[in-house]
């Protein structure tokens, strides 16, 4: 008897809504608040570089067209402080880009760099980064067809050994390149797509990202593999790069990948890409690195 009353009520409810096909459909109009643009900054300093590069634009509303001509900022004033004291001013070179050639490499001393950006009509913004500790590669080994992938295929193996500094929060990015010598056009290189079964690592454009976490203060060997038959290339060498990146760099790359993976996926949760520009948007990050070349 109870089931009959429930069914009758449900049918009556559908009839009351008019057409049954619209019962589960609803359109909600949302008033999108006006967007107040703020400065958007992108800069990544590398200890081994002898230049500073900064890109400045502005934020845009969700329905605003986003093309370079509408968002670029060319009249910004960019100042870089080192340990709180003015260090460099980065001049514009056009299209929202700012560039300064230095007389020497930035260096991997543990300085703190503050990036300050000001432009007419916008609130000034800033961000800071401290140069990470450079971690040298103690040993790097490559073996052609030296392992088996999870799918049972033969793969080339690569191991990278390093000593993680104790008592620090360190973040790493490992990359590998093939360098080919050419007497006519000069040396050229291309990136390898590294994979690993190490539970610490995440992937970013063929490189391996990971925090020190459980390996803090320990000597560690990261094991990776790849499929390219580089041993068949005459006069080729393998270059391994261990990047020591800032925490902001690590979070930016991780969330950028998560954001890309969530696109066009109706079941994915929204992802906010990490930024660290105070009173604005964007990312300022920093890194140092060590490299090892392997002949084979």
C-alpha atoms as a PDB file:
ATOM      1  CA  UNK A   1       0.000   0.000   0.000  1.00  0.00           C
ATOM      2  CA  UNK A   2       2.876   2.350   0.839  1.00  0.00           C
ATOM      3  CA  UNK A   3       4.532   1.655  -2.536  1.00  0.00           C
ATOM      4  CA  UNK A   4       1.294   2.581  -4.336  1.00  0.00           C
ATOM      5  CA  UNK A   5       1.106   5.973  -2.578  1.00  0.00           C
ATOM      6  CA  UNK A   6       4.756   6.748  -3.394  1.00  0.00           C
ATOM      7  CA  UNK A   7       4.287   5.885  -7.079  1.00  0.00           C
ATOM      8  CA  UNK A   8       1.105   7.951  -7.272  1.00  0.00           C
ATOM      9  CA  UNK A   9       2.839  10.946  -5.715  1.00  0.00           C
ATOM     10  CA  UNK A  10       5.760  10.680  -8.159  1.00  0.00           C
ATOM     11  CA  UNK A  11       3.463  10.537 -11.197  1.00  0.00           C
ATOM     12  CA  UNK A  12       1.457  13.493  -9.882  1.00  0.00           C
ATOM     13  CA  UNK A  13       4.673  15.482  -9.406  1.00  0.00           C
ATOM     14  CA  UNK A  14       5.772  14.846 -13.001  1.00  0.00           C
ATOM     15  CA  UNK A  15       2.349  15.871 -14.295  1.00  0.00           C
ATOM     16  CA  UNK A  16       2.456  19.066 -12.245  1.00  0.00           C
ATOM     17  CA  UNK A  17       5.748  20.103 -13.850  1.00  0.00           C
ATOM     18  CA  UNK A  18       4.142  20.077 -17.302  1.00  0.00           C
ATOM     19  CA  UNK A  19       6.354  18.058 -19.665  1.00  0.00           C
ATOM     20  CA  UNK A  20       8.279  15.209 -18.132  1.00  0.00           C
ATOM     21  CA  UNK A  21      11.335  15.804 -20.336  1.00  0.00           C
ATOM     22  CA  UNK A  22      12.076  19.114 -18.552  1.00  0.00           C
ATOM     23  CA  UNK A  23      11.690  17.718 -15.041  1.00  0.00           C
ATOM     24  CA  UNK A  24      15.381  16.936 -14.575  1.00  0.00           C
ATOM     25  CA  UNK A  25      16.687  19.926 -16.564  1.00  0.00           C
ATOM     26  CA  UNK A  26      17.303  23.300 -15.022  1.00  0.00           C
ATOM     27  CA  UNK A  27      18.999  26.443 -16.281  1.00  0.00           C
ATOM     28  CA  UNK A  28      20.450  28.736 -13.667  1.00  0.00           C
ATOM     29  CA  UNK A  29      21.592  32.203 -14.646  1.00  0.00           C
ATOM     30  CA  UNK A  30      24.683  33.377 -12.767  1.00  0.00           C
ATOM     31  CA  UNK A  31      25.709  36.994 -12.590  1.00  0.00           C
ATOM     32  CA  UNK A  32      29.476  37.045 -13.126  1.00  0.00           C
ATOM     33  CA  UNK A  33      31.011  39.890 -11.116  1.00  0.00           C
ATOM     34  CA  UNK A  34      33.087  42.478 -12.931  1.00  0.00           C
ATOM     35  CA  UNK A  35      36.749  41.515 -13.101  1.00  0.00           C
ATOM     36  CA  UNK A  36      39.366  43.893 -11.719  1.00  0.00           C
ATOM     37  CA  UNK A  37      42.596  43.184 -13.658  1.00  0.00           C
ATOM     38  CA  UNK A  38      45.813  42.658 -11.730  1.00  0.00           C
ATOM     39  CA  UNK A  39      49.375  42.205 -12.926  1.00  0.00           C
ATOM     40  CA  UNK A  40      50.306  38.717 -14.103  1.00  0.00           C
ATOM     41  CA  UNK A  41      54.015  37.867 -13.924  1.00  0.00           C
ATOM     42  CA  UNK A  42      56.074  34.907 -15.137  1.00  0.00           C
ATOM     43  CA  UNK A  43      59.787  34.531 -14.355  1.00  0.00           C
ATOM     44  CA  UNK A  44      62.135  31.621 -13.763  1.00  0.00           C
ATOM     45  CA  UNK A  45      65.752  32.340 -12.763  1.00  0.00           C
ATOM     46  CA  UNK A  46      68.458  29.689 -13.154  1.00  0.00           C
ATOM     47  CA  UNK A  47      71.738  29.869 -11.261  1.00  0.00           C
ATOM     48  CA  UNK A  48      73.752  28.916 -14.355  1.00  0.00           C
ATOM     49  CA  UNK A  49      72.135  31.581 -16.576  1.00  0.00           C
ATOM     50  CA  UNK A  50      73.691  34.970 -17.250  1.00  0.00           C
ATOM     51  CA  UNK A  51      70.379  36.655 -18.062  1.00  0.00           C
ATOM     52  CA  UNK A  52      67.105  37.632 -16.432  1.00  0.00           C
ATOM     53  CA  UNK A  53      63.853  37.116 -18.346  1.00  0.00           C
ATOM     54  CA  UNK A  54      60.427  38.287 -17.150  1.00  0.00           C
ATOM     55  CA  UNK A  55      57.048  38.342 -18.883  1.00  0.00           C
ATOM     56  CA  UNK A  56      54.350  40.740 -17.691  1.00  0.00           C
ATOM     57  CA  UNK A  57      50.680  40.808 -18.651  1.00  0.00           C
ATOM     58  CA  UNK A  58      47.393  41.315 -16.839  1.00  0.00           C
ATOM     59  CA  UNK A  59      44.688  38.994 -15.624  1.00  0.00           C
ATOM     60  CA  UNK A  60      41.451  38.650 -17.612  1.00  0.00           C
ATOM     61  CA  UNK A  61      37.861  37.898 -16.722  1.00  0.00           C
ATOM     62  CA  UNK A  62      36.368  34.505 -17.447  1.00  0.00           C
ATOM     63  CA  UNK A  63      34.543  35.798 -20.541  1.00  0.00           C
ATOM     64  CA  UNK A  64      37.229  38.227 -21.734  1.00  0.00           C
ATOM     65  CA  UNK A  65      39.223  37.456 -24.892  1.00  0.00           C
ATOM     66  CA  UNK A  66      42.761  36.421 -23.988  1.00  0.00           C
ATOM     67  CA  UNK A  67      45.220  37.274 -26.751  1.00  0.00           C
ATOM     68  CA  UNK A  68      48.638  38.839 -26.338  1.00  0.00           C
ATOM     69  CA  UNK A  69      47.688  42.238 -27.733  1.00  0.00           C
ATOM     70  CA  UNK A  70      44.906  42.654 -25.171  1.00  0.00           C
ATOM     71  CA  UNK A  71      46.756  41.572 -22.024  1.00  0.00           C
ATOM     72  CA  UNK A  72      50.451  42.382 -22.496  1.00  0.00           C
ATOM     73  CA  UNK A  73      52.012  45.096 -20.326  1.00  0.00           C
ATOM     74  CA  UNK A  74      54.938  46.965 -21.897  1.00  0.00           C
ATOM     75  CA  UNK A  75      55.448  49.912 -19.552  1.00  0.00           C
ATOM     76  CA  UNK A  76      56.187  47.958 -16.376  1.00  0.00           C
ATOM     77  CA  UNK A  77      59.075  48.777 -14.078  1.00  0.00           C
ATOM     78  CA  UNK A  78      60.868  45.648 -12.907  1.00  0.00           C
ATOM     79  CA  UNK A  79      63.321  45.629 -10.026  1.00  0.00           C
ATOM     80  CA  UNK A  80      65.138  42.599  -8.622  1.00  0.00           C
ATOM     81  CA  UNK A  81      66.429  42.775  -5.060  1.00  0.00           C
ATOM     82  CA  UNK A  82      69.064  40.432  -3.667  1.00  0.00           C
ATOM     83  CA  UNK A  83      68.964  39.887   0.082  1.00  0.00           C
ATOM     84  CA  UNK A  84      66.757  42.953   0.387  1.00  0.00           C
ATOM     85  CA  UNK A  85      69.029  45.369  -1.496  1.00  0.00           C
ATOM     86  CA  UNK A  86      68.384  46.620  -5.069  1.00  0.00           C
ATOM     87  CA  UNK A  87      70.347  44.425  -7.473  1.00  0.00           C
ATOM     88  CA  UNK A  88      69.126  44.741 -11.088  1.00  0.00           C
ATOM     89  CA  UNK A  89      66.546  46.600 -13.177  1.00  0.00           C
ATOM     90  CA  UNK A  90      65.143  44.584 -16.085  1.00  0.00           C
ATOM     91  CA  UNK A  91      64.284  46.697 -19.177  1.00  0.00           C
ATOM     92  CA  UNK A  92      61.503  45.977 -21.711  1.00  0.00           C
ATOM     93  CA  UNK A  93      62.222  44.398 -25.098  1.00  0.00           C
ATOM     94  CA  UNK A  94      58.642  44.442 -26.437  1.00  0.00           C
ATOM     95  CA  UNK A  95      55.452  42.369 -26.416  1.00  0.00           C
ATOM     96  CA  UNK A  96      55.383  42.211 -22.622  1.00  0.00           C
ATOM     97  CA  UNK A  97      58.852  40.683 -22.399  1.00  0.00           C
ATOM     98  CA  UNK A  98      61.660  42.104 -20.239  1.00  0.00           C
ATOM     99  CA  UNK A  99      65.282  41.029 -20.614  1.00  0.00           C
ATOM    100  CA  UNK A 100      68.630  41.820 -19.035  1.00  0.00           C
ATOM    101  CA  UNK A 101      71.986  40.317 -19.992  1.00  0.00           C
ATOM    102  CA  UNK A 102      74.289  39.928 -16.990  1.00  0.00           C
ATOM    103  CA  UNK A 103      78.055  40.014 -17.115  1.00  0.00           C
ATOM    104  CA  UNK A 104      78.231  36.663 -15.316  1.00  0.00           C
ATOM    105  CA  UNK A 105      76.059  33.772 -14.190  1.00  0.00           C
ATOM    106  CA  UNK A 106      73.563  34.410 -11.397  1.00  0.00           C
ATOM    107  CA  UNK A 107      75.363  31.828  -9.289  1.00  0.00           C
ATOM    108  CA  UNK A 108      74.098  29.327  -6.740  1.00  0.00           C
ATOM    109  CA  UNK A 109      74.938  31.180  -3.533  1.00  0.00           C
ATOM    110  CA  UNK A 110      71.974  31.024  -1.120  1.00  0.00           C
ATOM    111  CA  UNK A 111      70.725  34.552  -1.810  1.00  0.00           C
ATOM    112  CA  UNK A 112      67.078  35.541  -1.523  1.00  0.00           C
ATOM    113  CA  UNK A 113      65.745  37.299  -4.617  1.00  0.00           C
ATOM    114  CA  UNK A 114      62.714  39.587  -4.592  1.00  0.00           C
ATOM    115  CA  UNK A 115      60.981  40.388  -7.878  1.00  0.00           C
ATOM    116  CA  UNK A 116      59.043  43.666  -7.822  1.00  0.00           C
ATOM    117  CA  UNK A 117      56.807  44.767 -10.699  1.00  0.00           C
ATOM    118  CA  UNK A 118      54.915  48.048 -11.013  1.00  0.00           C
ATOM    119  CA  UNK A 119      52.838  49.419 -13.897  1.00  0.00           C
ATOM    120  CA  UNK A 120      50.551  52.400 -14.329  1.00  0.00           C
ATOM    121  CA  UNK A 121      46.958  51.630 -13.373  1.00  0.00           C
ATOM    122  CA  UNK A 122      47.798  48.457 -11.418  1.00  0.00           C
ATOM    123  CA  UNK A 123      48.694  47.684  -7.844  1.00  0.00           C
ATOM    124  CA  UNK A 124      52.421  46.827  -7.531  1.00  0.00           C
ATOM    125  CA  UNK A 125      53.203  43.143  -7.024  1.00  0.00           C
ATOM    126  CA  UNK A 126      56.136  41.147  -5.747  1.00  0.00           C
ATOM    127  CA  UNK A 127      57.379  37.651  -5.030  1.00  0.00           C
ATOM    128  CA  UNK A 128      60.519  36.203  -3.508  1.00  0.00           C
ATOM    129  CA  UNK A 129      62.634  33.070  -3.887  1.00  0.00           C
ATOM    130  CA  UNK A 130      65.691  31.698  -2.122  1.00  0.00           C
ATOM    131  CA  UNK A 131      68.243  29.863  -4.238  1.00  0.00           C
ATOM    132  CA  UNK A 132      68.030  26.128  -3.426  1.00  0.00           C
ATOM    133  CA  UNK A 133      71.085  24.153  -2.366  1.00  0.00           C
ATOM    134  CA  UNK A 134      72.944  22.777  -5.364  1.00  0.00           C
ATOM    135  CA  UNK A 135      73.043  18.985  -5.082  1.00  0.00           C
ATOM    136  CA  UNK A 136      75.791  17.292  -7.142  1.00  0.00           C
ATOM    137  CA  UNK A 137      75.364  14.028  -9.000  1.00  0.00           C
ATOM    138  CA  UNK A 138      77.606  11.472  -7.323  1.00  0.00           C
ATOM    139  CA  UNK A 139      77.219   8.837 -10.000  1.00  0.00           C
ATOM    140  CA  UNK A 140      75.135   8.214 -13.122  1.00  0.00           C
ATOM    141  CA  UNK A 141      74.950   4.900 -14.967  1.00  0.00           C
ATOM    142  CA  UNK A 142      73.282   3.894 -18.227  1.00  0.00           C
ATOM    143  CA  UNK A 143      72.689   0.351 -19.410  1.00  0.00           C
ATOM    144  CA  UNK A 144      71.336  -0.479 -22.857  1.00  0.00           C
ATOM    145  CA  UNK A 145      68.489  -2.986 -22.561  1.00  0.00           C
ATOM    146  CA  UNK A 146      69.344  -3.222 -18.884  1.00  0.00           C
ATOM    147  CA  UNK A 147      65.828  -3.741 -17.557  1.00  0.00           C
ATOM    148  CA  UNK A 148      62.253  -4.816 -18.137  1.00  0.00           C
ATOM    149  CA  UNK A 149      59.274  -2.424 -18.157  1.00  0.00           C
ATOM    150  CA  UNK A 150      56.063  -3.196 -16.202  1.00  0.00           C
ATOM    151  CA  UNK A 151      54.632  -4.434 -19.538  1.00  0.00           C
ATOM    152  CA  UNK A 152      57.475  -6.903 -20.012  1.00  0.00           C
ATOM    153  CA  UNK A 153      59.405  -4.954 -22.661  1.00  0.00           C
ATOM    154  CA  UNK A 154      63.156  -4.510 -22.666  1.00  0.00           C
ATOM    155  CA  UNK A 155      64.128  -0.963 -21.695  1.00  0.00           C
ATOM    156  CA  UNK A 156      67.276   1.068 -21.217  1.00  0.00           C
ATOM    157  CA  UNK A 157      67.998   1.881 -17.589  1.00  0.00           C
ATOM    158  CA  UNK A 158      69.406   5.002 -15.979  1.00  0.00           C
ATOM    159  CA  UNK A 159      70.408   5.438 -12.346  1.00  0.00           C
ATOM    160  CA  UNK A 160      71.268   8.766 -10.724  1.00  0.00           C
ATOM    161  CA  UNK A 161      72.923   8.840  -7.302  1.00  0.00           C
ATOM    162  CA  UNK A 162      73.056  11.935  -5.086  1.00  0.00           C
ATOM    163  CA  UNK A 163      73.317  12.982  -1.430  1.00  0.00           C
ATOM    164  CA  UNK A 164      70.254  14.831  -0.165  1.00  0.00           C
ATOM    165  CA  UNK A 165      71.099  17.645   2.287  1.00  0.00           C
ATOM    166  CA  UNK A 166      69.817  16.949   5.800  1.00  0.00           C
ATOM    167  CA  UNK A 167      67.281  19.180   7.502  1.00  0.00           C
ATOM    168  CA  UNK A 168      66.138  20.967   4.331  1.00  0.00           C
ATOM    169  CA  UNK A 169      63.011  20.761   2.212  1.00  0.00           C
ATOM    170  CA  UNK A 170      64.472  19.903  -1.190  1.00  0.00           C
ATOM    171  CA  UNK A 171      62.697  19.429  -4.491  1.00  0.00           C
ATOM    172  CA  UNK A 172      64.178  17.815  -7.568  1.00  0.00           C
ATOM    173  CA  UNK A 173      63.651  17.463 -11.285  1.00  0.00           C
ATOM    174  CA  UNK A 174      65.630  14.860 -13.234  1.00  0.00           C
ATOM    175  CA  UNK A 175      66.020  15.101 -17.005  1.00  0.00           C
ATOM    176  CA  UNK A 176      68.060  13.247 -19.610  1.00  0.00           C
ATOM    177  CA  UNK A 177      69.201  14.342 -23.060  1.00  0.00           C
ATOM    178  CA  UNK A 178      70.964  12.765 -25.992  1.00  0.00           C
ATOM    179  CA  UNK A 179      73.781  14.939 -27.357  1.00  0.00           C
ATOM    180  CA  UNK A 180      74.838  14.173 -30.913  1.00  0.00           C
ATOM    181  CA  UNK A 181      78.014  15.555 -32.469  1.00  0.00           C
ATOM    182  CA  UNK A 182      77.808  16.747 -36.060  1.00  0.00           C
ATOM    183  CA  UNK A 183      80.870  18.161 -37.812  1.00  0.00           C
ATOM    184  CA  UNK A 184      78.743  20.148 -40.269  1.00  0.00           C
ATOM    185  CA  UNK A 185      75.923  21.629 -38.187  1.00  0.00           C
ATOM    186  CA  UNK A 186      77.484  21.344 -34.734  1.00  0.00           C
ATOM    187  CA  UNK A 187      76.183  19.511 -31.675  1.00  0.00           C
ATOM    188  CA  UNK A 188      72.450  19.137 -31.152  1.00  0.00           C
ATOM    189  CA  UNK A 189      70.413  17.443 -28.467  1.00  0.00           C
ATOM    190  CA  UNK A 190      66.942  16.115 -27.755  1.00  0.00           C
ATOM    191  CA  UNK A 191      65.132  15.117 -24.576  1.00  0.00           C
ATOM    192  CA  UNK A 192      64.414  11.564 -23.516  1.00  0.00           C
ATOM    193  CA  UNK A 193      61.090  10.593 -21.971  1.00  0.00           C
ATOM    194  CA  UNK A 194      61.984   9.123 -18.607  1.00  0.00           C
ATOM    195  CA  UNK A 195      59.776   6.719 -16.701  1.00  0.00           C
ATOM    196  CA  UNK A 196      60.213   5.179 -13.273  1.00  0.00           C
ATOM    197  CA  UNK A 197      58.592   2.791 -10.841  1.00  0.00           C
ATOM    198  CA  UNK A 198      59.893   4.863  -7.930  1.00  0.00           C
ATOM    199  CA  UNK A 199      56.928   5.787  -5.707  1.00  0.00           C
ATOM    200  CA  UNK A 200      58.445   9.230  -5.022  1.00  0.00           C
ATOM    201  CA  UNK A 201      58.269  10.554  -8.566  1.00  0.00           C
ATOM    202  CA  UNK A 202      55.691  12.372 -10.651  1.00  0.00           C
ATOM    203  CA  UNK A 203      56.016  13.172 -14.352  1.00  0.00           C
ATOM    204  CA  UNK A 204      56.416  16.480 -16.169  1.00  0.00           C
ATOM    205  CA  UNK A 205      57.066  16.551 -19.926  1.00  0.00           C
ATOM    206  CA  UNK A 206      59.264  13.478 -19.799  1.00  0.00           C
ATOM    207  CA  UNK A 207      61.144  14.519 -16.662  1.00  0.00           C
ATOM    208  CA  UNK A 208      60.805  13.179 -13.113  1.00  0.00           C
ATOM    209  CA  UNK A 209      59.684  15.434 -10.237  1.00  0.00           C
ATOM    210  CA  UNK A 210      59.941  14.559  -6.556  1.00  0.00           C
ATOM    211  CA  UNK A 211      60.423  16.069  -3.065  1.00  0.00           C
ATOM    212  CA  UNK A 212      63.074  14.694  -0.720  1.00  0.00           C
ATOM    213  CA  UNK A 213      60.486  13.678   1.940  1.00  0.00           C
ATOM    214  CA  UNK A 214      61.499  10.194   3.152  1.00  0.00           C
ATOM    215  CA  UNK A 215      65.031  10.468   1.718  1.00  0.00           C
ATOM    216  CA  UNK A 216      65.943  13.584   3.718  1.00  0.00           C
ATOM    217  CA  UNK A 217      69.652  13.545   4.535  1.00  0.00           C
ATOM    218  CA  UNK A 218      70.236  10.209   2.794  1.00  0.00           C
ATOM    219  CA  UNK A 219      72.318   9.090  -0.143  1.00  0.00           C
ATOM    220  CA  UNK A 220      69.788   8.049  -2.748  1.00  0.00           C
ATOM    221  CA  UNK A 221      69.797   6.404  -6.171  1.00  0.00           C
ATOM    222  CA  UNK A 222      66.907   7.273  -8.444  1.00  0.00           C
ATOM    223  CA  UNK A 223      66.227   4.534 -10.979  1.00  0.00           C
ATOM    224  CA  UNK A 224      64.552   5.327 -14.300  1.00  0.00           C
ATOM    225  CA  UNK A 225      64.146   3.788 -17.729  1.00  0.00           C
ATOM    226  CA  UNK A 226      63.433   4.842 -21.310  1.00  0.00           C
ATOM    227  CA  UNK A 227      62.782   3.195 -24.677  1.00  0.00           C
ATOM    228  CA  UNK A 228      64.910   5.210 -27.144  1.00  0.00           C
ATOM    229  CA  UNK A 229      67.686   3.158 -28.759  1.00  0.00           C
ATOM    230  CA  UNK A 230      70.353   5.791 -28.219  1.00  0.00           C
ATOM    231  CA  UNK A 231      73.166   3.203 -28.286  1.00  0.00           C
ATOM    232  CA  UNK A 232      72.597   2.913 -32.031  1.00  0.00           C
ATOM    233  CA  UNK A 233      73.409   6.610 -32.643  1.00  0.00           C
ATOM    234  CA  UNK A 234      77.064   7.185 -33.686  1.00  0.00           C
ATOM    235  CA  UNK A 235      79.071   9.640 -31.533  1.00  0.00           C
ATOM    236  CA  UNK A 236      76.152  10.219 -29.159  1.00  0.00           C
ATOM    237  CA  UNK A 237      76.436  10.983 -25.462  1.00  0.00           C
ATOM    238  CA  UNK A 238      73.900  10.903 -22.679  1.00  0.00           C
ATOM    239  CA  UNK A 239      73.564  13.995 -20.486  1.00  0.00           C
ATOM    240  CA  UNK A 240      71.814  13.707 -17.126  1.00  0.00           C
ATOM    241  CA  UNK A 241      70.602  16.826 -15.309  1.00  0.00           C
ATOM    242  CA  UNK A 242      69.619  17.021 -11.650  1.00  0.00           C
ATOM    243  CA  UNK A 243      67.733  20.252 -11.034  1.00  0.00           C
ATOM    244  CA  UNK A 244      67.334  21.531  -7.482  1.00  0.00           C
ATOM    245  CA  UNK A 245      64.157  23.563  -7.751  1.00  0.00           C
ATOM    246  CA  UNK A 246      62.302  25.810  -5.337  1.00  0.00           C
ATOM    247  CA  UNK A 247      59.134  24.620  -3.639  1.00  0.00           C
ATOM    248  CA  UNK A 248      57.092  27.102  -5.693  1.00  0.00           C
ATOM    249  CA  UNK A 249      58.577  25.699  -8.903  1.00  0.00           C
ATOM    250  CA  UNK A 250      57.691  22.160  -7.843  1.00  0.00           C
ATOM    251  CA  UNK A 251      54.101  23.070  -6.921  1.00  0.00           C
ATOM    252  CA  UNK A 252      53.639  25.075 -10.101  1.00  0.00           C
ATOM    253  CA  UNK A 253      54.773  22.217 -12.365  1.00  0.00           C
ATOM    254  CA  UNK A 254      52.713  19.640 -10.446  1.00  0.00           C
ATOM    255  CA  UNK A 255      49.487  21.651 -10.487  1.00  0.00           C
ATOM    256  CA  UNK A 256      50.051  22.659 -14.108  1.00  0.00           C
ATOM    257  CA  UNK A 257      50.130  18.983 -15.057  1.00  0.00           C
ATOM    258  CA  UNK A 258      47.044  18.230 -12.942  1.00  0.00           C
ATOM    259  CA  UNK A 259      45.246  21.147 -14.572  1.00  0.00           C
ATOM    260  CA  UNK A 260      46.108  19.846 -18.049  1.00  0.00           C
ATOM    261  CA  UNK A 261      44.966  16.335 -17.169  1.00  0.00           C
ATOM    262  CA  UNK A 262      41.642  17.665 -15.851  1.00  0.00           C
ATOM    263  CA  UNK A 263      40.756  19.449 -19.087  1.00  0.00           C
ATOM    264  CA  UNK A 264      37.795  17.924 -20.971  1.00  0.00           C
ATOM    265  CA  UNK A 265      37.280  15.459 -18.120  1.00  0.00           C
ATOM    266  CA  UNK A 266      33.755  15.926 -16.695  1.00  0.00           C
ATOM    267  CA  UNK A 267      34.594  13.764 -13.661  1.00  0.00           C
ATOM    268  CA  UNK A 268      37.770  15.607 -12.614  1.00  0.00           C
ATOM    269  CA  UNK A 269      37.793  18.057  -9.737  1.00  0.00           C
ATOM    270  CA  UNK A 270      38.765  21.648 -10.600  1.00  0.00           C
ATOM    271  CA  UNK A 271      42.496  22.336 -10.270  1.00  0.00           C
ATOM    272  CA  UNK A 272      43.978  25.696  -9.303  1.00  0.00           C
ATOM    273  CA  UNK A 273      47.484  26.209 -10.703  1.00  0.00           C
ATOM    274  CA  UNK A 274      49.892  27.273  -7.948  1.00  0.00           C
ATOM    275  CA  UNK A 275      51.084  30.881  -7.983  1.00  0.00           C
ATOM    276  CA  UNK A 276      53.103  33.057  -5.627  1.00  0.00           C
ATOM    277  CA  UNK A 277      52.771  36.637  -6.879  1.00  0.00           C
ATOM    278  CA  UNK A 278      51.554  38.775  -3.971  1.00  0.00           C
ATOM    279  CA  UNK A 279      48.649  41.087  -4.944  1.00  0.00           C
ATOM    280  CA  UNK A 280      48.763  39.667  -8.477  1.00  0.00           C
ATOM    281  CA  UNK A 281      48.883  36.326 -10.269  1.00  0.00           C
ATOM    282  CA  UNK A 282      51.620  34.251 -11.842  1.00  0.00           C
ATOM    283  CA  UNK A 283      54.794  32.494 -10.815  1.00  0.00           C
ATOM    284  CA  UNK A 284      58.326  33.494  -9.871  1.00  0.00           C
ATOM    285  CA  UNK A 285      60.610  30.494  -9.379  1.00  0.00           C
ATOM    286  CA  UNK A 286      64.290  29.681  -9.162  1.00  0.00           C
ATOM    287  CA  UNK A 287      66.662  26.724  -9.536  1.00  0.00           C
ATOM    288  CA  UNK A 288      70.227  25.493  -9.678  1.00  0.00           C
ATOM    289  CA  UNK A 289      71.451  22.263 -11.229  1.00  0.00           C
ATOM    290  CA  UNK A 290      74.215  19.716 -11.724  1.00  0.00           C
ATOM    291  CA  UNK A 291      74.942  17.708 -14.880  1.00  0.00           C
ATOM    292  CA  UNK A 292      76.781  14.518 -15.721  1.00  0.00           C
ATOM    293  CA  UNK A 293      77.702  13.337 -19.221  1.00  0.00           C
ATOM    294  CA  UNK A 294      77.880   9.625 -19.995  1.00  0.00           C
ATOM    295  CA  UNK A 295      79.737   8.251 -23.008  1.00  0.00           C
ATOM    296  CA  UNK A 296      78.690   4.892 -24.461  1.00  0.00           C
END
